[in-house]
Amino acid sequence: MDTMDLNSLERELAACEACPFRQEAIAPVGWFGNPVSPIVFVGEGPGGVEDEYGCPLIGPSGQLLDKALWAAKMTRDRVLTTNVIKCRPKNNRTPDIAEAAFCAKRWLDRELAIIQPKVIVALGGVAMHYLGNPDMRITRDRGQWFRTEQGFDCIATYHPAYLLRLTGHALVTAKWDVFHDLEAARERAALLAPGYEFMSAEKVDLFKLFKKRVHDYL
């Protein structure tokens, strides 16, 4: 993995104005974590907190993801997290398939080509549809392995934002599903990258690492 290529890509991303999403966002949000990690987590796109801090999955969804990763013996500094969409859609709406592909072909595909992960975890339907195909359904196909167009092993699971909307028995069941999916992803990545340490001694406090970005148009 060439970190110089990834640094160059990050500089390119910062200057991107290719779609209308950029006009509503503070700035594009790239990736976070260890670029040599054998496992990459791909979410949908930045929300309001992610847009403010410039870090993927740092808001309530990200905090829940951190808890799930910890339970599955992983921490955010030892894996890599990113998104299909790099700029926050207005009102946090879900991007459609064409919008997701427009952004991902410019940025996510190039990220993955540089990083060359052994395993990808698609968090939610948007990531699963782009990395797999639009006919897949998260409620039916989560936990099943498939190959991406670029040839990476991928497993889909529920996005943590979905878990935040659940209550009662449905929440308990979904949390266990996510735990087992993350465990399966870590186990496969460990087989393909023997000796890699997926977990630090403590969770990462992303808010200590990132500061709020100022709106350049205020």
C-alpha atoms as a PDB file:
ATOM      1  CA  MET A   1       0.000   0.000   0.000  1.00  0.00           C
ATOM      2  CA  ASP A   2       1.454   3.350  -1.076  1.00  0.00           C
ATOM      3  CA  THR A   3       0.670   5.938   1.616  1.00  0.00           C
ATOM      4  CA  MET A   4       1.919   8.689  -0.697  1.00  0.00           C
ATOM      5  CA  ASP A   5      -0.806   7.754  -3.189  1.00  0.00           C
ATOM      6  CA  LEU A   6      -3.393   7.865  -0.417  1.00  0.00           C
ATOM      7  CA  ASN A   7      -2.115  11.284   0.727  1.00  0.00           C
ATOM      8  CA  SER A   8      -2.356  12.564  -2.842  1.00  0.00           C
ATOM      9  CA  LEU A   9      -5.888  11.222  -3.127  1.00  0.00           C
ATOM     10  CA  GLU A  10      -6.810  12.993   0.114  1.00  0.00           C
ATOM     11  CA  ARG A  11      -5.567  16.306  -1.298  1.00  0.00           C
ATOM     12  CA  GLU A  12      -7.574  15.739  -4.480  1.00  0.00           C
ATOM     13  CA  LEU A  13     -10.680  14.927  -2.469  1.00  0.00           C
ATOM     14  CA  ALA A  14     -10.385  18.135  -0.450  1.00  0.00           C
ATOM     15  CA  ALA A  15     -10.661  20.141  -3.674  1.00  0.00           C
ATOM     16  CA  CYS A  16     -13.546  18.148  -5.169  1.00  0.00           C
ATOM     17  CA  GLU A  17     -16.580  20.115  -6.379  1.00  0.00           C
ATOM     18  CA  ALA A  18     -17.886  17.518  -8.817  1.00  0.00           C
ATOM     19  CA  CYS A  19     -21.486  17.279  -7.588  1.00  0.00           C
ATOM     20  CA  PRO A  20     -24.194  19.397  -5.888  1.00  0.00           C
ATOM     21  CA  PHE A  21     -23.628  17.688  -2.521  1.00  0.00           C
ATOM     22  CA  ARG A  22     -20.413  19.701  -2.160  1.00  0.00           C
ATOM     23  CA  GLN A  23     -22.365  22.975  -2.203  1.00  0.00           C
ATOM     24  CA  GLU A  24     -24.324  21.989   0.903  1.00  0.00           C
ATOM     25  CA  ALA A  25     -21.395  20.532   2.874  1.00  0.00           C
ATOM     26  CA  ILE A  26     -18.590  22.218   4.782  1.00  0.00           C
ATOM     27  CA  ALA A  27     -16.067  20.024   2.969  1.00  0.00           C
ATOM     28  CA  PRO A  28     -15.647  16.442   1.794  1.00  0.00           C
ATOM     29  CA  VAL A  29     -15.102  13.848   4.519  1.00  0.00           C
ATOM     30  CA  GLY A  30     -12.432  11.281   3.752  1.00  0.00           C
ATOM     31  CA  TRP A  31     -11.385   8.244   5.756  1.00  0.00           C
ATOM     32  CA  PHE A  32      -9.969   7.474   9.181  1.00  0.00           C
ATOM     33  CA  GLY A  33      -7.850   4.684  10.593  1.00  0.00           C
ATOM     34  CA  ASN A  34      -4.891   2.541   9.681  1.00  0.00           C
ATOM     35  CA  PRO A  35      -4.297   2.552   5.908  1.00  0.00           C
ATOM     36  CA  VAL A  36      -2.554  -0.822   6.113  1.00  0.00           C
ATOM     37  CA  SER A  37      -5.506  -2.433   7.867  1.00  0.00           C
ATOM     38  CA  PRO A  38      -6.693  -5.635   6.191  1.00  0.00           C
ATOM     39  CA  ILE A  39     -10.295  -4.632   6.936  1.00  0.00           C
ATOM     40  CA  VAL A  40     -12.202  -1.562   5.728  1.00  0.00           C
ATOM     41  CA  PHE A  41     -15.651  -0.461   6.902  1.00  0.00           C
ATOM     42  CA  VAL A  42     -17.700   1.402   4.296  1.00  0.00           C
ATOM     43  CA  GLY A  43     -20.691   3.442   5.454  1.00  0.00           C
ATOM     44  CA  GLU A  44     -23.210   5.537   3.578  1.00  0.00           C
ATOM     45  CA  GLY A  45     -22.070   9.151   3.892  1.00  0.00           C
ATOM     46  CA  PRO A  46     -21.405  11.953   6.352  1.00  0.00           C
ATOM     47  CA  GLY A  47     -24.117  13.261   8.641  1.00  0.00           C
ATOM     48  CA  GLY A  48     -24.113  16.616  10.358  1.00  0.00           C
ATOM     49  CA  VAL A  49     -21.547  15.706  13.021  1.00  0.00           C
ATOM     50  CA  GLU A  50     -19.243  14.074  10.471  1.00  0.00           C
ATOM     51  CA  ASP A  51     -19.479  17.176   8.275  1.00  0.00           C
ATOM     52  CA  GLU A  52     -18.595  19.427  11.215  1.00  0.00           C
ATOM     53  CA  TYR A  53     -15.597  17.370  12.336  1.00  0.00           C
ATOM     54  CA  GLY A  54     -14.328  15.997   9.025  1.00  0.00           C
ATOM     55  CA  CYS A  55     -14.259  12.406  10.262  1.00  0.00           C
ATOM     56  CA  PRO A  56     -16.385   9.484   9.057  1.00  0.00           C
ATOM     57  CA  LEU A  57     -18.711   7.885  11.600  1.00  0.00           C
ATOM     58  CA  ILE A  58     -17.939  10.168  14.525  1.00  0.00           C
ATOM     59  CA  GLY A  59     -21.517  11.061  15.527  1.00  0.00           C
ATOM     60  CA  PRO A  60     -24.064   8.894  17.359  1.00  0.00           C
ATOM     61  CA  SER A  61     -23.834   6.157  14.710  1.00  0.00           C
ATOM     62  CA  GLY A  62     -20.067   6.134  14.957  1.00  0.00           C
ATOM     63  CA  GLN A  63     -20.150   5.935  18.732  1.00  0.00           C
ATOM     64  CA  LEU A  64     -22.394   2.893  18.481  1.00  0.00           C
ATOM     65  CA  LEU A  65     -20.066   1.403  15.869  1.00  0.00           C
ATOM     66  CA  ASP A  66     -17.146   1.886  18.261  1.00  0.00           C
ATOM     67  CA  LYS A  67     -18.998  -0.130  20.912  1.00  0.00           C
ATOM     68  CA  ALA A  68     -19.754  -2.898  18.429  1.00  0.00           C
ATOM     69  CA  LEU A  69     -16.149  -2.978  17.226  1.00  0.00           C
ATOM     70  CA  TRP A  70     -14.888  -3.165  20.805  1.00  0.00           C
ATOM     71  CA  ALA A  71     -17.172  -6.128  21.474  1.00  0.00           C
ATOM     72  CA  ALA A  72     -15.759  -7.811  18.353  1.00  0.00           C
ATOM     73  CA  LYS A  73     -12.169  -7.048  19.457  1.00  0.00           C
ATOM     74  CA  MET A  74     -11.446  -4.185  17.075  1.00  0.00           C
ATOM     75  CA  THR A  75     -10.769  -0.465  17.520  1.00  0.00           C
ATOM     76  CA  ARG A  76     -11.077   2.407  15.065  1.00  0.00           C
ATOM     77  CA  ASP A  77      -7.341   3.178  14.985  1.00  0.00           C
ATOM     78  CA  ARG A  78      -6.546  -0.380  13.876  1.00  0.00           C
ATOM     79  CA  VAL A  79      -9.139  -0.638  11.095  1.00  0.00           C
ATOM     80  CA  LEU A  80     -10.153   1.896   8.451  1.00  0.00           C
ATOM     81  CA  THR A  81     -13.555   3.564   8.114  1.00  0.00           C
ATOM     82  CA  THR A  82     -14.819   5.458   5.092  1.00  0.00           C
ATOM     83  CA  ASN A  83     -18.040   6.186   3.179  1.00  0.00           C
ATOM     84  CA  VAL A  84     -19.579   5.738  -0.258  1.00  0.00           C
ATOM     85  CA  ILE A  85     -20.548   9.430  -0.390  1.00  0.00           C
ATOM     86  CA  LYS A  86     -17.934  11.964   0.701  1.00  0.00           C
ATOM     87  CA  CYS A  87     -20.110  15.066   1.199  1.00  0.00           C
ATOM     88  CA  ARG A  88     -23.153  15.370   3.435  1.00  0.00           C
ATOM     89  CA  PRO A  89     -26.417  15.306   1.451  1.00  0.00           C
ATOM     90  CA  LYS A  90     -28.785  18.131   2.352  1.00  0.00           C
ATOM     91  CA  ASN A  91     -31.008  17.222   5.324  1.00  0.00           C
ATOM     92  CA  ASN A  92     -29.026  13.964   5.645  1.00  0.00           C
ATOM     93  CA  ARG A  93     -31.174  12.333   2.990  1.00  0.00           C
ATOM     94  CA  THR A  94     -30.226   8.927   1.629  1.00  0.00           C
ATOM     95  CA  PRO A  95     -28.398   9.213  -1.717  1.00  0.00           C
ATOM     96  CA  ASP A  96     -29.884   7.272  -4.597  1.00  0.00           C
ATOM     97  CA  ILE A  97     -27.961   4.608  -6.514  1.00  0.00           C
ATOM     98  CA  ALA A  98     -26.812   6.992  -9.259  1.00  0.00           C
ATOM     99  CA  GLU A  99     -25.599   9.598  -6.769  1.00  0.00           C
ATOM    100  CA  ALA A 100     -23.726   6.974  -4.778  1.00  0.00           C
ATOM    101  CA  ALA A 101     -22.041   5.585  -7.885  1.00  0.00           C
ATOM    102  CA  PHE A 102     -21.113   9.073  -9.148  1.00  0.00           C
ATOM    103  CA  CYS A 103     -19.110   9.775  -5.985  1.00  0.00           C
ATOM    104  CA  ALA A 104     -17.820   6.283  -5.258  1.00  0.00           C
ATOM    105  CA  LYS A 105     -16.328   5.748  -8.700  1.00  0.00           C
ATOM    106  CA  ARG A 106     -14.311   8.938  -8.237  1.00  0.00           C
ATOM    107  CA  TRP A 107     -13.142   8.329  -4.688  1.00  0.00           C
ATOM    108  CA  LEU A 108     -14.063   5.086  -2.926  1.00  0.00           C
ATOM    109  CA  ASP A 109     -12.900   2.864  -5.784  1.00  0.00           C
ATOM    110  CA  ARG A 110      -9.558   4.661  -5.841  1.00  0.00           C
ATOM    111  CA  GLU A 111      -9.209   4.421  -2.047  1.00  0.00           C
ATOM    112  CA  LEU A 112      -9.787   0.691  -2.133  1.00  0.00           C
ATOM    113  CA  ALA A 113      -7.442   0.214  -5.087  1.00  0.00           C
ATOM    114  CA  ILE A 114      -4.667   1.849  -3.051  1.00  0.00           C
ATOM    115  CA  ILE A 115      -5.448   0.195   0.294  1.00  0.00           C
ATOM    116  CA  GLN A 116      -6.135  -3.287  -1.130  1.00  0.00           C
ATOM    117  CA  PRO A 117      -8.066  -4.549   1.919  1.00  0.00           C
ATOM    118  CA  LYS A 118      -8.486  -8.252   2.519  1.00  0.00           C
ATOM    119  CA  VAL A 119     -12.059  -7.733   3.731  1.00  0.00           C
ATOM    120  CA  ILE A 120     -14.678  -5.012   3.366  1.00  0.00           C
ATOM    121  CA  VAL A 121     -17.665  -4.562   5.669  1.00  0.00           C
ATOM    122  CA  ALA A 122     -20.551  -2.740   3.983  1.00  0.00           C
ATOM    123  CA  LEU A 123     -22.510  -0.834   6.610  1.00  0.00           C
ATOM    124  CA  GLY A 124     -26.099  -0.554   5.431  1.00  0.00           C
ATOM    125  CA  GLY A 125     -27.968  -0.681   2.163  1.00  0.00           C
ATOM    126  CA  VAL A 126     -26.239   2.135   0.253  1.00  0.00           C
ATOM    127  CA  ALA A 127     -22.802   0.569   0.702  1.00  0.00           C
ATOM    128  CA  MET A 128     -24.126  -2.929   0.043  1.00  0.00           C
ATOM    129  CA  HIS A 129     -25.865  -1.832  -3.175  1.00  0.00           C
ATOM    130  CA  TYR A 130     -22.752  -0.123  -4.498  1.00  0.00           C
ATOM    131  CA  LEU A 131     -20.279  -2.821  -3.517  1.00  0.00           C
ATOM    132  CA  GLY A 132     -22.658  -5.662  -4.399  1.00  0.00           C
ATOM    133  CA  ASN A 133     -25.683  -4.948  -6.560  1.00  0.00           C
ATOM    134  CA  PRO A 134     -28.957  -2.989  -6.322  1.00  0.00           C
ATOM    135  CA  ASP A 135     -31.043  -6.161  -6.036  1.00  0.00           C
ATOM    136  CA  MET A 136     -29.530  -7.050  -2.664  1.00  0.00           C
ATOM    137  CA  ARG A 137     -31.519  -6.354   0.508  1.00  0.00           C
ATOM    138  CA  ILE A 138     -29.848  -5.710   3.831  1.00  0.00           C
ATOM    139  CA  THR A 139     -32.531  -7.582   5.787  1.00  0.00           C
ATOM    140  CA  ARG A 140     -32.107 -10.636   3.545  1.00  0.00           C
ATOM    141  CA  ASP A 141     -28.460 -10.576   2.501  1.00  0.00           C
ATOM    142  CA  ARG A 142     -26.580  -9.261   5.536  1.00  0.00           C
ATOM    143  CA  GLY A 143     -24.077 -11.729   6.889  1.00  0.00           C
ATOM    144  CA  GLN A 144     -23.522 -13.291   3.445  1.00  0.00           C
ATOM    145  CA  TRP A 145     -20.148 -13.039   1.723  1.00  0.00           C
ATOM    146  CA  PHE A 146     -19.881 -11.701  -1.817  1.00  0.00           C
ATOM    147  CA  ARG A 147     -17.186 -10.363  -4.126  1.00  0.00           C
ATOM    148  CA  THR A 148     -17.090  -6.713  -5.141  1.00  0.00           C
ATOM    149  CA  GLU A 149     -16.516  -5.597  -8.719  1.00  0.00           C
ATOM    150  CA  GLN A 150     -12.906  -4.860  -7.762  1.00  0.00           C
ATOM    151  CA  GLY A 151     -12.523  -8.410  -6.439  1.00  0.00           C
ATOM    152  CA  PHE A 152     -12.615  -7.790  -2.677  1.00  0.00           C
ATOM    153  CA  ASP A 153     -14.302 -10.105  -0.179  1.00  0.00           C
ATOM    154  CA  CYS A 154     -17.239  -8.224   1.322  1.00  0.00           C
ATOM    155  CA  ILE A 155     -19.872  -8.835   3.979  1.00  0.00           C
ATOM    156  CA  ALA A 156     -22.782  -6.498   4.681  1.00  0.00           C
ATOM    157  CA  THR A 157     -24.326  -5.698   8.025  1.00  0.00           C
ATOM    158  CA  TYR A 158     -26.760  -3.166   9.429  1.00  0.00           C
ATOM    159  CA  HIS A 159     -25.645   0.446   9.558  1.00  0.00           C
ATOM    160  CA  PRO A 160     -25.458   1.635  13.184  1.00  0.00           C
ATOM    161  CA  ALA A 161     -27.935   4.406  12.314  1.00  0.00           C
ATOM    162  CA  TYR A 162     -30.504   1.672  11.707  1.00  0.00           C
ATOM    163  CA  LEU A 163     -29.870   0.227  15.166  1.00  0.00           C
ATOM    164  CA  LEU A 164     -30.454   3.650  16.704  1.00  0.00           C
ATOM    165  CA  ARG A 165     -34.004   3.563  15.340  1.00  0.00           C
ATOM    166  CA  LEU A 166     -34.858   0.174  16.868  1.00  0.00           C
ATOM    167  CA  THR A 167     -36.182  -0.700  20.302  1.00  0.00           C
ATOM    168  CA  GLY A 168     -36.948  -3.804  22.349  1.00  0.00           C
ATOM    169  CA  HIS A 169     -36.469  -7.298  20.967  1.00  0.00           C
ATOM    170  CA  ALA A 170     -35.783  -6.028  17.440  1.00  0.00           C
ATOM    171  CA  LEU A 171     -32.836  -3.999  18.743  1.00  0.00           C
ATOM    172  CA  VAL A 172     -31.395  -6.909  20.718  1.00  0.00           C
ATOM    173  CA  THR A 173     -31.658  -9.237  17.714  1.00  0.00           C
ATOM    174  CA  ALA A 174     -30.105  -6.703  15.325  1.00  0.00           C
ATOM    175  CA  LYS A 175     -27.212  -6.009  17.708  1.00  0.00           C
ATOM    176  CA  TRP A 176     -26.380  -9.703  17.875  1.00  0.00           C
ATOM    177  CA  ASP A 177     -26.563  -9.918  14.073  1.00  0.00           C
ATOM    178  CA  VAL A 178     -24.077  -7.065  13.778  1.00  0.00           C
ATOM    179  CA  PHE A 179     -21.778  -8.607  16.373  1.00  0.00           C
ATOM    180  CA  HIS A 180     -21.670 -11.934  14.530  1.00  0.00           C
ATOM    181  CA  ASP A 181     -21.091 -10.178  11.180  1.00  0.00           C
ATOM    182  CA  LEU A 182     -18.201  -8.155  12.613  1.00  0.00           C
ATOM    183  CA  GLU A 183     -16.737 -11.272  14.200  1.00  0.00           C
ATOM    184  CA  ALA A 184     -16.920 -13.103  10.878  1.00  0.00           C
ATOM    185  CA  ALA A 185     -15.222 -10.176   9.122  1.00  0.00           C
ATOM    186  CA  ARG A 186     -12.408 -10.016  11.682  1.00  0.00           C
ATOM    187  CA  GLU A 187     -11.860 -13.779  11.574  1.00  0.00           C
ATOM    188  CA  ARG A 188     -11.569 -13.814   7.784  1.00  0.00           C
ATOM    189  CA  ALA A 189      -9.265 -10.788   7.789  1.00  0.00           C
ATOM    190  CA  ALA A 190      -7.105 -12.453  10.466  1.00  0.00           C
ATOM    191  CA  LEU A 191      -6.752 -15.574   8.324  1.00  0.00           C
ATOM    192  CA  LEU A 192      -5.695 -13.473   5.339  1.00  0.00           C
ATOM    193  CA  ALA A 193      -3.388 -11.184   7.331  1.00  0.00           C
ATOM    194  CA  PRO A 194      -1.822 -13.346  10.062  1.00  0.00           C
ATOM    195  CA  GLY A 195      -0.385 -11.462  12.999  1.00  0.00           C
ATOM    196  CA  TYR A 196      -2.240  -8.200  12.420  1.00  0.00           C
ATOM    197  CA  GLU A 197      -3.455  -6.533  15.635  1.00  0.00           C
ATOM    198  CA  PHE A 198      -7.058  -5.403  15.228  1.00  0.00           C
ATOM    199  CA  MET A 199      -7.454  -3.928  18.713  1.00  0.00           C
ATOM    200  CA  SER A 200      -5.693  -1.316  20.826  1.00  0.00           C
ATOM    201  CA  ALA A 201      -5.750  -1.349  24.604  1.00  0.00           C
ATOM    202  CA  GLU A 202      -8.288   1.500  24.695  1.00  0.00           C
ATOM    203  CA  LYS A 203     -11.031   2.871  22.476  1.00  0.00           C
ATOM    204  CA  VAL A 204     -10.158   5.894  20.369  1.00  0.00           C
ATOM    205  CA  ASP A 205     -11.716   9.214  21.384  1.00  0.00           C
ATOM    206  CA  LEU A 206     -12.291  10.724  17.950  1.00  0.00           C
ATOM    207  CA  PHE A 207     -13.464  14.031  19.386  1.00  0.00           C
ATOM    208  CA  LYS A 208      -9.998  14.496  20.890  1.00  0.00           C
ATOM    209  CA  LEU A 209      -8.400  13.923  17.504  1.00  0.00           C
ATOM    210  CA  PHE A 210     -10.730  16.109  15.434  1.00  0.00           C
ATOM    211  CA  LYS A 211     -11.896  19.684  15.945  1.00  0.00           C
ATOM    212  CA  LYS A 212     -14.977  21.302  14.445  1.00  0.00           C
ATOM    213  CA  ARG A 213     -14.429  22.765  11.010  1.00  0.00           C
ATOM    214  CA  VAL A 214     -15.537  26.350  10.352  1.00  0.00           C
ATOM    215  CA  HIS A 215     -18.026  27.007   7.568  1.00  0.00           C
ATOM    216  CA  ASP A 216     -16.028  28.836   4.948  1.00  0.00           C
ATOM    217  CA  TYR A 217     -19.168  30.574   3.745  1.00  0.00           C
ATOM    218  CA  LEU A 218     -20.155  32.094   7.121  1.00  0.00           C
END
